[in-house]
Protein backbone atom coordinates (compact mmCIF):
# COMPACT_ATOMS: atom_id res chain seq x y z
CA UNK A 1 94.93 114.51 74.10
CA UNK A 2 98.66 113.99 74.36
CA UNK A 3 100.54 111.86 71.65
CA UNK A 4 100.69 108.06 72.18
CA UNK A 5 103.97 106.97 73.34
CA UNK A 6 105.64 104.71 71.26
CA UNK A 7 105.44 100.96 71.42
CA UNK A 8 109.24 99.33 71.74
CA UNK A 9 109.89 96.80 69.22
CA UNK A 10 112.11 94.77 71.68
CA UNK A 11 112.11 93.96 75.22
CA UNK A 12 113.85 91.84 77.79
CA UNK A 13 113.36 88.64 76.80
CA UNK A 14 116.44 87.96 74.80
CA UNK A 15 118.71 89.46 77.72
CA UNK A 16 116.91 86.87 79.51
CA UNK A 17 117.73 84.02 77.18
CA UNK A 18 121.38 85.10 77.01
CA UNK A 19 122.04 85.19 80.52
CA UNK A 20 123.43 81.98 82.10
CA UNK A 21 120.96 82.25 85.12
CA UNK A 22 118.08 83.31 82.87
CA UNK A 23 115.83 86.30 83.78
CA UNK A 24 116.52 85.75 88.09
CA UNK A 25 120.46 86.17 87.04
CA UNK A 26 119.53 89.28 84.81
CA UNK A 27 117.42 91.34 87.56
CA UNK A 28 120.11 90.25 90.08
CA UNK A 29 122.96 91.94 87.98
CA UNK A 30 120.74 94.55 86.28
CA UNK A 31 118.06 95.36 88.87
CA UNK A 32 119.38 98.70 89.72
CA UNK A 33 119.55 100.24 86.14
CA UNK A 34 116.15 98.55 85.15
CA UNK A 35 113.65 100.05 83.20
CA UNK A 36 110.19 98.73 81.74
CA UNK A 37 110.63 99.01 77.99
CA UNK A 38 106.81 98.82 78.00
CA UNK A 39 106.56 101.80 80.43
CA UNK A 40 104.40 103.76 78.28
CA UNK A 41 101.80 101.16 77.83
CA UNK A 42 101.56 100.12 81.88
CA UNK A 43 100.96 103.99 82.46
CA UNK A 44 98.14 103.57 79.81
CA UNK A 45 96.61 100.68 81.20
CA UNK A 46 96.72 101.90 84.88
CA UNK A 47 95.37 105.54 83.96
CA UNK A 48 92.32 103.61 82.01
CA UNK A 49 91.96 101.21 85.15
CA UNK A 50 91.71 104.40 87.50
CA UNK A 51 89.16 105.80 85.23
CA UNK A 52 87.15 102.61 84.63
CA UNK A 53 87.49 101.20 88.12
CA UNK A 54 87.68 103.99 90.57
CA UNK A 55 86.03 102.59 93.60
CA UNK A 56 88.69 99.55 93.51
CA UNK A 57 91.51 102.19 93.87
CA UNK A 58 89.73 104.79 96.58
CA UNK A 59 89.95 107.64 94.24
CA UNK A 60 89.48 111.06 96.02
CA UNK A 61 90.79 109.95 98.99
CA UNK A 62 93.18 112.29 100.67
CA UNK A 63 97.08 112.13 101.76
CA UNK A 64 95.61 112.24 105.42
CA UNK A 65 93.45 108.97 104.88
CA UNK A 66 94.42 106.12 106.53
CA UNK A 67 93.42 102.29 107.42
CA UNK A 68 91.56 103.38 110.72
CA UNK A 69 89.10 105.47 107.94
CA UNK A 70 88.16 102.15 105.94
CA UNK A 71 84.99 101.55 107.74
CA UNK A 72 86.29 99.12 109.79
CA UNK A 73 87.65 96.84 106.89
CA UNK A 74 90.64 94.82 107.93
CA UNK A 75 91.88 95.14 104.80
CA UNK A 76 92.19 98.64 104.91
CA UNK A 77 92.63 100.88 101.71
CA UNK A 78 96.31 100.35 100.88
CA UNK A 79 97.85 99.28 97.76
CA UNK A 80 100.97 96.83 97.33
CA UNK A 81 103.12 97.06 94.11
CA UNK A 82 104.17 93.50 94.09
CA UNK A 83 107.75 92.79 92.04
CA UNK A 84 107.43 96.70 91.54
CA UNK A 85 110.39 97.30 89.12
CA UNK A 86 111.48 100.87 88.78
CA UNK A 87 108.17 102.19 89.82
CA UNK A 88 106.13 102.26 86.71
CA UNK A 89 102.77 101.39 88.64
CA UNK A 90 103.48 103.54 91.54
CA UNK A 91 104.17 106.45 89.42
CA UNK A 92 101.62 105.78 86.93
CA UNK A 93 98.59 105.41 90.14
CA UNK A 94 100.19 108.98 91.58
CA UNK A 95 100.07 110.49 88.01
CA UNK A 96 96.38 109.20 88.12
CA UNK A 97 95.66 110.74 91.61
CA UNK A 98 96.28 108.22 94.37
CA UNK A 99 98.83 109.46 97.14
CA UNK A 100 101.91 108.10 97.38
CA UNK A 101 101.41 107.60 100.88
CA UNK A 102 98.96 104.86 100.46
CA UNK A 103 101.28 102.78 98.48
CA UNK A 104 103.38 99.98 99.26
CA UNK A 105 105.75 98.44 97.13
CA UNK A 106 108.45 95.47 97.12
CA UNK A 107 110.88 93.78 94.83
CA UNK A 108 114.33 91.92 95.51
CA UNK A 109 116.21 93.09 92.53
CA UNK A 110 114.92 96.73 91.77
CA UNK A 111 114.58 98.35 94.88
CA UNK A 112 117.55 101.01 93.92
CA UNK A 113 115.97 101.77 90.76
CA UNK A 114 112.86 102.33 92.32
CA UNK A 115 114.06 104.51 95.29
CA UNK A 116 115.74 106.77 92.34
CA UNK A 117 112.69 107.23 90.59
CA UNK A 118 109.97 107.16 93.13
CA UNK A 119 111.73 108.68 95.96
CA UNK A 120 110.79 106.32 98.81
CA UNK A 121 112.10 103.07 99.84
CA UNK A 122 110.41 99.36 98.99
CA UNK A 123 110.39 96.36 100.63
CA UNK A 124 112.94 93.43 99.03
CA UNK A 125 109.78 90.56 99.26
CA UNK A 126 109.91 88.36 96.32
CA UNK A 127 107.60 86.01 94.97
CA UNK A 128 109.20 82.83 96.99
CA UNK A 129 109.04 85.25 99.96
CA UNK A 130 105.09 86.17 99.78
CA UNK A 131 104.74 82.49 99.36
CA UNK A 132 106.54 81.58 102.16
CA UNK A 133 104.25 84.15 104.48
CA UNK A 134 106.30 87.07 104.51
CA UNK A 135 103.46 89.19 104.19
CA UNK A 136 101.22 86.90 106.28
CA UNK A 137 100.45 89.95 108.87
CA UNK A 138 100.04 92.77 106.28
CA UNK A 139 96.75 93.81 104.47
CA UNK A 140 96.09 95.70 101.66
CA UNK A 141 93.24 96.32 99.54
CA UNK A 142 94.58 95.97 96.27
CA UNK A 143 97.71 94.17 94.96
CA UNK A 144 99.07 95.00 91.63
CA UNK A 145 101.94 93.17 89.59
CA UNK A 146 102.97 94.48 86.34
CA UNK A 147 105.13 92.26 83.60
CA UNK A 148 105.76 90.01 86.39
CA UNK A 149 103.72 87.21 87.83
CA UNK A 150 104.41 85.13 84.26
CA UNK A 151 107.85 84.91 85.51
CA UNK A 152 106.83 83.17 89.01
CA UNK A 153 108.04 79.97 89.10
CA UNK A 154 105.21 77.45 88.86
CA UNK A 155 105.85 75.47 91.77
CA UNK A 156 104.94 78.59 93.92
CA UNK A 157 102.35 80.29 91.89
CA UNK A 158 99.40 78.25 93.63
CA UNK A 159 100.58 79.04 96.86
CA UNK A 160 101.58 82.62 95.84
CA UNK A 161 98.07 83.22 94.92
CA UNK A 162 96.73 81.98 98.15
CA UNK A 163 98.90 84.02 100.62
CA UNK A 164 98.10 87.10 98.56
CA UNK A 165 94.42 86.10 99.29
CA UNK A 166 95.20 86.05 102.73
CA UNK A 167 96.68 89.66 102.50
CA UNK A 168 94.60 91.24 99.82
CA UNK A 169 91.01 91.88 98.54
CA UNK A 170 91.75 92.27 94.90
CA UNK A 171 94.75 91.59 92.70
CA UNK A 172 95.40 93.50 89.51
CA UNK A 173 97.63 92.03 86.94
CA UNK A 174 99.02 93.67 83.84
CA UNK A 175 100.81 91.03 81.55
CA UNK A 176 101.52 90.76 77.80
CA UNK A 177 100.08 87.39 77.16
CA UNK A 178 97.21 84.94 78.94
CA UNK A 179 100.01 83.82 81.40
CA UNK A 180 99.75 83.69 84.42
CA UNK A 181 96.21 81.70 84.47
CA UNK A 182 95.05 82.13 88.01
CA UNK A 183 93.32 79.34 89.36
CA UNK A 184 90.07 80.01 91.49
CA UNK A 185 91.35 77.07 93.83
CA UNK A 186 94.22 79.08 94.29
CA UNK A 187 92.80 81.15 97.26
CA UNK A 188 89.33 82.31 95.81
CA UNK A 189 90.48 84.30 93.02
CA UNK A 190 87.60 85.57 90.49
CA UNK A 191 87.36 87.52 87.47
CA UNK A 192 85.89 91.06 88.85
CA UNK A 193 85.36 92.67 85.08
CA UNK A 194 86.09 91.78 82.13
CA UNK A 195 89.77 91.78 80.58
CA UNK A 196 90.67 94.81 79.19
CA UNK A 197 93.30 94.98 76.65
CA UNK A 198 95.31 97.67 74.42
CA UNK A 199 95.78 95.89 70.92
CA UNK A 200 98.56 98.53 70.44
CA UNK A 201 100.73 97.94 73.42
CA UNK A 202 99.53 94.46 73.30
CA UNK A 203 99.03 94.43 76.98
CA UNK A 204 96.09 92.92 79.22
CA UNK A 205 94.72 94.18 82.62
CA UNK A 206 92.98 91.60 84.88
CA UNK A 207 91.17 92.82 87.99
CA UNK A 208 90.52 89.29 90.09
CA UNK A 209 88.87 89.69 93.46
CA UNK A 210 88.05 87.31 96.24
CA UNK A 211 84.42 88.77 96.18
CA UNK A 212 81.45 88.06 93.96
CA UNK A 213 81.99 89.24 89.94
CA UNK A 214 80.71 92.71 89.34
CA UNK A 215 79.80 91.77 85.90
CA UNK A 216 77.14 89.35 84.99
CA UNK A 217 78.94 88.10 82.07
CA UNK A 218 82.16 87.32 83.67
CA UNK A 219 82.85 83.69 83.36
CA UNK A 220 84.95 81.30 84.73
CA UNK A 221 88.27 81.53 82.35
CA UNK A 222 87.20 84.65 80.69
CA UNK A 223 90.27 86.17 79.42
CA UNK A 224 92.41 82.89 79.42
CA UNK A 225 91.84 81.41 76.34
CA UNK A 226 91.85 83.91 73.57
CA UNK A 227 95.37 84.12 72.50
CA UNK A 228 95.25 85.90 69.76
CA UNK A 229 97.83 88.93 70.85
CA UNK A 230 100.28 86.18 72.00
CA UNK A 231 103.21 85.84 69.75
CA UNK A 232 106.40 84.08 71.19
CA UNK A 233 108.32 85.90 68.79
CA UNK A 234 107.75 88.95 70.59
CA UNK A 235 110.27 90.23 73.29
CA UNK A 236 108.33 90.92 76.27
CA UNK A 237 109.39 92.02 79.98
């Protein structure tokens, strides 16, 4: 087993605070050069997610798989890397065996960094664009959002979740703390499995679905109330 990557001591929260336009301004200025300081943790959590939840990702499907092969499911079998950064989620999924041809991505600020790393273009949809209906006619099996949705403006978060529920069956969030808290009233999202955590990286992985929970012991609010690894003094992306 390869040695574990080193967890960074600092992230980018200080950069947000020091920029006059906050997180939005930081990404607008630094997007082309952005690298998630927790990239290694994202990779490890997604490697675990593909091992533990292979049915979620359509593991084993070939590059020739297309939406017409998805047994008539209107959502098909594509994956959206939402707020894709420099491609850490896409790269991790490809390394785990998901064909790149099945992955779409979007980010309004880091599209250049994504193209340089992954080798493909991404859309430039923002959270606000999605909330306003930019992807209303698109369908994905899974939307993955890593280290980003906790930055979504609270005014947009409920509508964003509702619109995502119209376009996808499953939502996987990787986050450094309990935020965002997803209300089931926002499109019917409920935890499908118990929250996974990595205490070393201090990353949480949550699989939400609009389908019935797969674990009998998953309850409302599971994974949202325990704040033991949250530390406001830690810098996170």
